[in-house]
Structure formats: C-alpha cells, structure tokens
Amino acid sequence: GLQQGLQQEAARLTLSQLQRKLGPLPEDLSETIRRLPTEQLEGLAEALLDFQTLADLTQWLEELASA
C-alpha cells in the first residue's frame, strides 16, 4: 500500500519533470517509466537533469534494461 503509493508519486513527479524538460513523451515511454521501481525512478530524476533530448531518455532506459 504505502510503498506502491510512494512509487506512483515518484513516477508522477518524474514524468512531470521529463515533460517540462523534453516536451510531450510518447505513451510507451511514459508507461515504461510508470513501471520503474522507486529506486530507479530516483536515479532517473537525477539523470534527467543532464538530458537534452528524448534520445537521452531512451538511451538511459535502454542502459537500465541491459544492466
């Protein structure tokens, strides 16, 4: 319950930050981000500060998946 709520809030905040920085996100990327565990969302929230393009986000997610 509580953990799921924290994860959902972290996902919502991270998606909001990404959209502000990069513009509208494709739905498939948004859904991928919503499914990330809280600790990975925290990593993404830090990494997005360095993103310049949607390709940076895609690369980050691909590296995460291959780790």
PDB file of N, CA and C in Angstrom:
ATOM      1  N   GLY A   1       0.800  -1.195   0.000  1.00  0.00           N
ATOM      2  CA  GLY A   1       0.000   0.000   0.000  1.00  0.00           C
ATOM      3  C   GLY A   1       0.841   1.257   0.000  1.00  0.00           C
ATOM      4  N   LEU A   2       1.556   1.501   1.092  1.00  0.00           N
ATOM      5  CA  LEU A   2       2.344   2.731   1.197  1.00  0.00           C
ATOM      6  C   LEU A   2       3.458   2.769   0.154  1.00  0.00           C
ATOM      7  N   GLN A   3       4.154   1.632  -0.009  1.00  0.00           N
ATOM      8  CA  GLN A   3       5.250   1.571  -0.985  1.00  0.00           C
ATOM      9  C   GLN A   3       4.733   1.834  -2.394  1.00  0.00           C
ATOM     10  N   GLN A   4       3.583   1.266  -2.737  1.00  0.00           N
ATOM     11  CA  GLN A   4       3.014   1.483  -4.060  1.00  0.00           C
ATOM     12  C   GLN A   4       2.638   2.949  -4.244  1.00  0.00           C
ATOM     13  N   GLY A   5       2.099   3.573  -3.208  1.00  0.00           N
ATOM     14  CA  GLY A   5       1.756   4.984  -3.282  1.00  0.00           C
ATOM     15  C   GLY A   5       2.983   5.853  -3.485  1.00  0.00           C
ATOM     16  N   LEU A   6       4.076   5.517  -2.786  1.00  0.00           N
ATOM     17  CA  LEU A   6       5.323   6.269  -2.958  1.00  0.00           C
ATOM     18  C   LEU A   6       5.861   6.107  -4.377  1.00  0.00           C
ATOM     19  N   GLN A   7       5.788   4.882  -4.903  1.00  0.00           N
ATOM     20  CA  GLN A   7       6.268   4.630  -6.266  1.00  0.00           C
ATOM     21  C   GLN A   7       5.443   5.415  -7.270  1.00  0.00           C
ATOM     22  N   GLN A   8       4.129   5.424  -7.092  1.00  0.00           N
ATOM     23  CA  GLN A   8       3.260   6.144  -8.029  1.00  0.00           C
ATOM     24  C   GLN A   8       3.528   7.643  -7.989  1.00  0.00           C
ATOM     25  N   GLU A   9       3.748   8.189  -6.811  1.00  0.00           N
ATOM     26  CA  GLU A   9       4.040   9.618  -6.688  1.00  0.00           C
ATOM     27  C   GLU A   9       5.398   9.945  -7.300  1.00  0.00           C
ATOM     28  N   ALA A  10       6.383   9.083  -7.093  1.00  0.00           N
ATOM     29  CA  ALA A  10       7.702   9.295  -7.693  1.00  0.00           C
ATOM     30  C   ALA A  10       7.598   9.248  -9.219  1.00  0.00           C
ATOM     31  N   ALA A  11       6.815   8.333  -9.738  1.00  0.00           N
ATOM     32  CA  ALA A  11       6.628   8.229 -11.187  1.00  0.00           C
ATOM     33  C   ALA A  11       5.932   9.472 -11.722  1.00  0.00           C
ATOM     34  N   ARG A  12       4.905   9.941 -11.027  1.00  0.00           N
ATOM     35  CA  ARG A  12       4.172  11.128 -11.473  1.00  0.00           C
ATOM     36  C   ARG A  12       5.088  12.353 -11.509  1.00  0.00           C
ATOM     37  N   LEU A  13       5.866  12.533 -10.457  1.00  0.00           N
ATOM     38  CA  LEU A  13       6.763  13.682 -10.390  1.00  0.00           C
ATOM     39  C   LEU A  13       7.852  13.605 -11.461  1.00  0.00           C
ATOM     40  N   THR A  14       8.436  12.428 -11.632  1.00  0.00           N
ATOM     41  CA  THR A  14       9.492  12.257 -12.635  1.00  0.00           C
ATOM     42  C   THR A  14       8.949  12.498 -14.038  1.00  0.00           C
ATOM     43  N   LEU A  15       7.772  11.974 -14.331  1.00  0.00           N
ATOM     44  CA  LEU A  15       7.160  12.210 -15.650  1.00  0.00           C
ATOM     45  C   LEU A  15       6.885  13.692 -15.869  1.00  0.00           C
ATOM     46  N   SER A  16       6.433  14.365 -14.842  1.00  0.00           N
ATOM     47  CA  SER A  16       6.172  15.804 -14.948  1.00  0.00           C
ATOM     48  C   SER A  16       7.455  16.563 -15.259  1.00  0.00           C
ATOM     49  N   GLN A  17       8.534  16.219 -14.582  1.00  0.00           N
ATOM     50  CA  GLN A  17       9.818  16.876 -14.829  1.00  0.00           C
ATOM     51  C   GLN A  17      10.326  16.586 -16.243  1.00  0.00           C
ATOM     52  N   LEU A  18      10.194  15.339 -16.662  1.00  0.00           N
ATOM     53  CA  LEU A  18      10.636  14.973 -18.011  1.00  0.00           C
ATOM     54  C   LEU A  18       9.847  15.738 -19.072  1.00  0.00           C
ATOM     55  N   GLN A  19       8.540  15.840 -18.901  1.00  0.00           N
ATOM     56  CA  GLN A  19       7.716  16.545 -19.882  1.00  0.00           C
ATOM     57  C   GLN A  19       8.045  18.023 -19.919  1.00  0.00           C
ATOM     58  N   ARG A  20       8.350  18.591 -18.781  1.00  0.00           N
ATOM     59  CA  ARG A  20       8.724  20.007 -18.764  1.00  0.00           C
ATOM     60  C   ARG A  20      10.050  20.220 -19.479  1.00  0.00           C
ATOM     61  N   LYS A  21      10.986  19.286 -19.305  1.00  0.00           N
ATOM     62  CA  LYS A  21      12.308  19.438 -19.913  1.00  0.00           C
ATOM     63  C   LYS A  21      12.321  19.056 -21.395  1.00  0.00           C
ATOM     64  N   LEU A  22      11.604  17.966 -21.754  1.00  0.00           N
ATOM     65  CA  LEU A  22      11.722  17.410 -23.100  1.00  0.00           C
ATOM     66  C   LEU A  22      10.472  17.581 -23.958  1.00  0.00           C
ATOM     67  N   GLY A  23       9.369  18.005 -23.361  1.00  0.00           N
ATOM     68  CA  GLY A  23       8.118  18.100 -24.097  1.00  0.00           C
ATOM     69  C   GLY A  23       7.327  16.810 -23.934  1.00  0.00           C
ATOM     70  N   PRO A  24       6.220  16.703 -24.651  1.00  0.00           N
ATOM     71  CA  PRO A  24       5.367  15.518 -24.511  1.00  0.00           C
ATOM     72  C   PRO A  24       6.142  14.229 -24.792  1.00  0.00           C
ATOM     73  N   LEU A  25       5.886  13.230 -23.964  1.00  0.00           N
ATOM     74  CA  LEU A  25       6.560  11.940 -24.121  1.00  0.00           C
ATOM     75  C   LEU A  25       5.650  10.956 -24.823  1.00  0.00           C
ATOM     76  N   PRO A  26       6.223  10.078 -25.660  1.00  0.00           N
ATOM     77  CA  PRO A  26       5.419   9.005 -26.245  1.00  0.00           C
ATOM     78  C   PRO A  26       4.823   8.136 -25.132  1.00  0.00           C
ATOM     79  N   GLU A  27       3.633   7.644 -25.341  1.00  0.00           N
ATOM     80  CA  GLU A  27       2.937   6.874 -24.312  1.00  0.00           C
ATOM     81  C   GLU A  27       3.717   5.632 -23.895  1.00  0.00           C
ATOM     82  N   ASP A  28       4.411   4.982 -24.829  1.00  0.00           N
ATOM     83  CA  ASP A  28       5.162   3.779 -24.461  1.00  0.00           C
ATOM     84  C   ASP A  28       6.283   4.110 -23.472  1.00  0.00           C
ATOM     85  N   LEU A  29       6.940   5.253 -23.656  1.00  0.00           N
ATOM     86  CA  LEU A  29       7.985   5.657 -22.712  1.00  0.00           C
ATOM     87  C   LEU A  29       7.378   6.018 -21.362  1.00  0.00           C
ATOM     88  N   SER A  30       6.268   6.719 -21.384  1.00  0.00           N
ATOM     89  CA  SER A  30       5.595   7.081 -20.133  1.00  0.00           C
ATOM     90  C   SER A  30       5.213   5.831 -19.351  1.00  0.00           C
ATOM     91  N   GLU A  31       4.699   4.837 -20.040  1.00  0.00           N
ATOM     92  CA  GLU A  31       4.287   3.598 -19.372  1.00  0.00           C
ATOM     93  C   GLU A  31       5.504   2.865 -18.808  1.00  0.00           C
ATOM     94  N   THR A  32       6.591   2.838 -19.548  1.00  0.00           N
ATOM     95  CA  THR A  32       7.823   2.211 -19.060  1.00  0.00           C
ATOM     96  C   THR A  32       8.276   2.881 -17.767  1.00  0.00           C
ATOM     97  N   ILE A  33       8.231   4.197 -17.746  1.00  0.00           N
ATOM     98  CA  ILE A  33       8.657   4.954 -16.569  1.00  0.00           C
ATOM     99  C   ILE A  33       7.719   4.684 -15.390  1.00  0.00           C
ATOM    100  N   ARG A  34       6.425   4.614 -15.641  1.00  0.00           N
ATOM    101  CA  ARG A  34       5.457   4.341 -14.562  1.00  0.00           C
ATOM    102  C   ARG A  34       5.718   2.994 -13.889  1.00  0.00           C
ATOM    103  N   ARG A  35       6.299   2.049 -14.615  1.00  0.00           N
ATOM    104  CA  ARG A  35       6.538   0.705 -14.073  1.00  0.00           C
ATOM    105  C   ARG A  35       7.879   0.576 -13.346  1.00  0.00           C
ATOM    106  N   LEU A  36       8.719   1.599 -13.403  1.00  0.00           N
ATOM    107  CA  LEU A  36      10.026   1.514 -12.750  1.00  0.00           C
ATOM    108  C   LEU A  36       9.865   1.482 -11.231  1.00  0.00           C
ATOM    109  N   PRO A  37      10.709   0.703 -10.554  1.00  0.00           N
ATOM    110  CA  PRO A  37      10.694   0.729  -9.093  1.00  0.00           C
ATOM    111  C   PRO A  37      11.174   2.093  -8.576  1.00  0.00           C
ATOM    112  N   THR A  38      10.852   2.389  -7.339  1.00  0.00           N
ATOM    113  CA  THR A  38      11.144   3.697  -6.758  1.00  0.00           C
ATOM    114  C   THR A  38      12.625   4.061  -6.862  1.00  0.00           C
ATOM    115  N   GLU A  39      13.525   3.142  -6.572  1.00  0.00           N
ATOM    116  CA  GLU A  39      14.953   3.483  -6.600  1.00  0.00           C
ATOM    117  C   GLU A  39      15.415   3.838  -8.015  1.00  0.00           C
ATOM    118  N   GLN A  40      14.869   3.196  -9.034  1.00  0.00           N
ATOM    119  CA  GLN A  40      15.221   3.551 -10.408  1.00  0.00           C
ATOM    120  C   GLN A  40      14.604   4.892 -10.800  1.00  0.00           C
ATOM    121  N   LEU A  41      13.414   5.180 -10.297  1.00  0.00           N
ATOM    122  CA  LEU A  41      12.802   6.488 -10.547  1.00  0.00           C
ATOM    123  C   LEU A  41      13.647   7.596  -9.932  1.00  0.00           C
ATOM    124  N   GLU A  42      14.205   7.346  -8.757  1.00  0.00           N
ATOM    125  CA  GLU A  42      15.077   8.335  -8.122  1.00  0.00           C
ATOM    126  C   GLU A  42      16.325   8.567  -8.973  1.00  0.00           C
ATOM    127  N   GLY A  43      16.885   7.496  -9.524  1.00  0.00           N
ATOM    128  CA  GLY A  43      18.034   7.630 -10.411  1.00  0.00           C
ATOM    129  C   GLY A  43      17.691   8.408 -11.665  1.00  0.00           C
ATOM    130  N   LEU A  44      16.515   8.145 -12.207  1.00  0.00           N
ATOM    131  CA  LEU A  44      16.061   8.860 -13.401  1.00  0.00           C
ATOM    132  C   LEU A  44      15.843  10.335 -13.099  1.00  0.00           C
ATOM    133  N   ALA A  45      15.291  10.627 -11.922  1.00  0.00           N
ATOM    134  CA  ALA A  45      15.056  12.030 -11.542  1.00  0.00           C
ATOM    135  C   ALA A  45      16.360  12.811 -11.492  1.00  0.00           C
ATOM    136  N   GLU A  46      17.445  12.160 -11.098  1.00  0.00           N
ATOM    137  CA  GLU A  46      18.754  12.821 -11.110  1.00  0.00           C
ATOM    138  C   GLU A  46      19.321  12.894 -12.518  1.00  0.00           C
ATOM    139  N   ALA A  47      19.236  11.795 -13.259  1.00  0.00           N
ATOM    140  CA  ALA A  47      19.813  11.736 -14.601  1.00  0.00           C
ATOM    141  C   ALA A  47      19.157  12.723 -15.559  1.00  0.00           C
ATOM    142  N   LEU A  48      17.861  12.950 -15.396  1.00  0.00           N
ATOM    143  CA  LEU A  48      17.150  13.812 -16.353  1.00  0.00           C
ATOM    144  C   LEU A  48      17.673  15.244 -16.354  1.00  0.00           C
ATOM    145  N   LEU A  49      18.367  15.626 -15.300  1.00  0.00           N
ATOM    146  CA  LEU A  49      18.948  16.971 -15.275  1.00  0.00           C
ATOM    147  C   LEU A  49      19.977  17.157 -16.383  1.00  0.00           C
ATOM    148  N   ASP A  50      20.567  16.046 -16.830  1.00  0.00           N
ATOM    149  CA  ASP A  50      21.580  16.107 -17.893  1.00  0.00           C
ATOM    150  C   ASP A  50      21.009  15.854 -19.279  1.00  0.00           C
ATOM    151  N   PHE A  51      19.752  15.443 -19.362  1.00  0.00           N
ATOM    152  CA  PHE A  51      19.154  15.135 -20.661  1.00  0.00           C
ATOM    153  C   PHE A  51      18.951  16.407 -21.473  1.00  0.00           C
ATOM    154  N   GLN A  52      19.213  16.299 -22.771  1.00  0.00           N
ATOM    155  CA  GLN A  52      18.950  17.393 -23.698  1.00  0.00           C
ATOM    156  C   GLN A  52      17.843  17.039 -24.692  1.00  0.00           C
ATOM    157  N   THR A  53      17.707  15.747 -24.982  1.00  0.00           N
ATOM    158  CA  THR A  53      16.740  15.304 -25.985  1.00  0.00           C
ATOM    159  C   THR A  53      16.041  14.036 -25.516  1.00  0.00           C
ATOM    160  N   LEU A  54      14.989  13.684 -26.216  1.00  0.00           N
ATOM    161  CA  LEU A  54      14.271  12.444 -25.948  1.00  0.00           C
ATOM    162  C   LEU A  54      15.191  11.240 -26.151  1.00  0.00           C
ATOM    163  N   ALA A  55      16.147  11.357 -27.047  1.00  0.00           N
ATOM    164  CA  ALA A  55      17.101  10.271 -27.284  1.00  0.00           C
ATOM    165  C   ALA A  55      17.925   9.990 -26.028  1.00  0.00           C
ATOM    166  N   ASP A  56      18.230  11.015 -25.237  1.00  0.00           N
ATOM    167  CA  ASP A  56      18.967  10.812 -23.988  1.00  0.00           C
ATOM    168  C   ASP A  56      18.152   9.955 -23.020  1.00  0.00           C
ATOM    169  N   LEU A  57      16.856  10.231 -22.930  1.00  0.00           N
ATOM    170  CA  LEU A  57      15.971   9.439 -22.076  1.00  0.00           C
ATOM    171  C   LEU A  57      15.908   7.999 -22.576  1.00  0.00           C
ATOM    172  N   THR A  58      15.731   7.823 -23.865  1.00  0.00           N
ATOM    173  CA  THR A  58      15.647   6.487 -24.449  1.00  0.00           C
ATOM    174  C   THR A  58      16.923   5.702 -24.181  1.00  0.00           C
ATOM    175  N   GLN A  59      18.069   6.341 -24.341  1.00  0.00           N
ATOM    176  CA  GLN A  59      19.348   5.677 -24.092  1.00  0.00           C
ATOM    177  C   GLN A  59      19.462   5.282 -22.623  1.00  0.00           C
ATOM    178  N   TRP A  60      19.065   6.157 -21.720  1.00  0.00           N
ATOM    179  CA  TRP A  60      19.127   5.852 -20.285  1.00  0.00           C
ATOM    180  C   TRP A  60      18.284   4.628 -19.970  1.00  0.00           C
ATOM    181  N   LEU A  61      17.073   4.581 -20.518  1.00  0.00           N
ATOM    182  CA  LEU A  61      16.192   3.445 -20.275  1.00  0.00           C
ATOM    183  C   LEU A  61      16.751   2.155 -20.875  1.00  0.00           C
ATOM    184  N   GLU A  62      17.374   2.243 -22.046  1.00  0.00           N
ATOM    185  CA  GLU A  62      17.966   1.060 -22.680  1.00  0.00           C
ATOM    186  C   GLU A  62      19.127   0.542 -21.850  1.00  0.00           C
ATOM    187  N   GLU A  63      19.958   1.471 -21.313  1.00  0.00           N
ATOM    188  CA  GLU A  63      21.073   1.053 -20.469  1.00  0.00           C
ATOM    189  C   GLU A  63      20.574   0.404 -19.189  1.00  0.00           C
ATOM    190  N   LEU A  64      19.483   0.920 -18.641  1.00  0.00           N
ATOM    191  CA  LEU A  64      18.893   0.348 -17.445  1.00  0.00           C
ATOM    192  C   LEU A  64      18.405  -1.075 -17.712  1.00  0.00           C
ATOM    193  N   ALA A  65      17.771  -1.263 -18.853  1.00  0.00           N
ATOM    194  CA  ALA A  65      17.223  -2.569 -19.206  1.00  0.00           C
ATOM    195  C   ALA A  65      18.324  -3.601 -19.441  1.00  0.00           C
ATOM    196  N   SER A  66      19.475  -3.155 -19.921  1.00  0.00           N
ATOM    197  CA  SER A  66      20.544  -4.100 -20.223  1.00  0.00           C
ATOM    198  C   SER A  66      21.461  -4.334 -19.023  1.00  0.00           C
ATOM    199  N   ALA A  67      21.246  -3.604 -17.947  1.00  0.00           N
ATOM    200  CA  ALA A  67      22.111  -3.755 -16.759  1.00  0.00           C
ATOM    201  C   ALA A  67      21.747  -4.991 -15.957  1.00  0.00           C
TER     202      ALA A  67
END
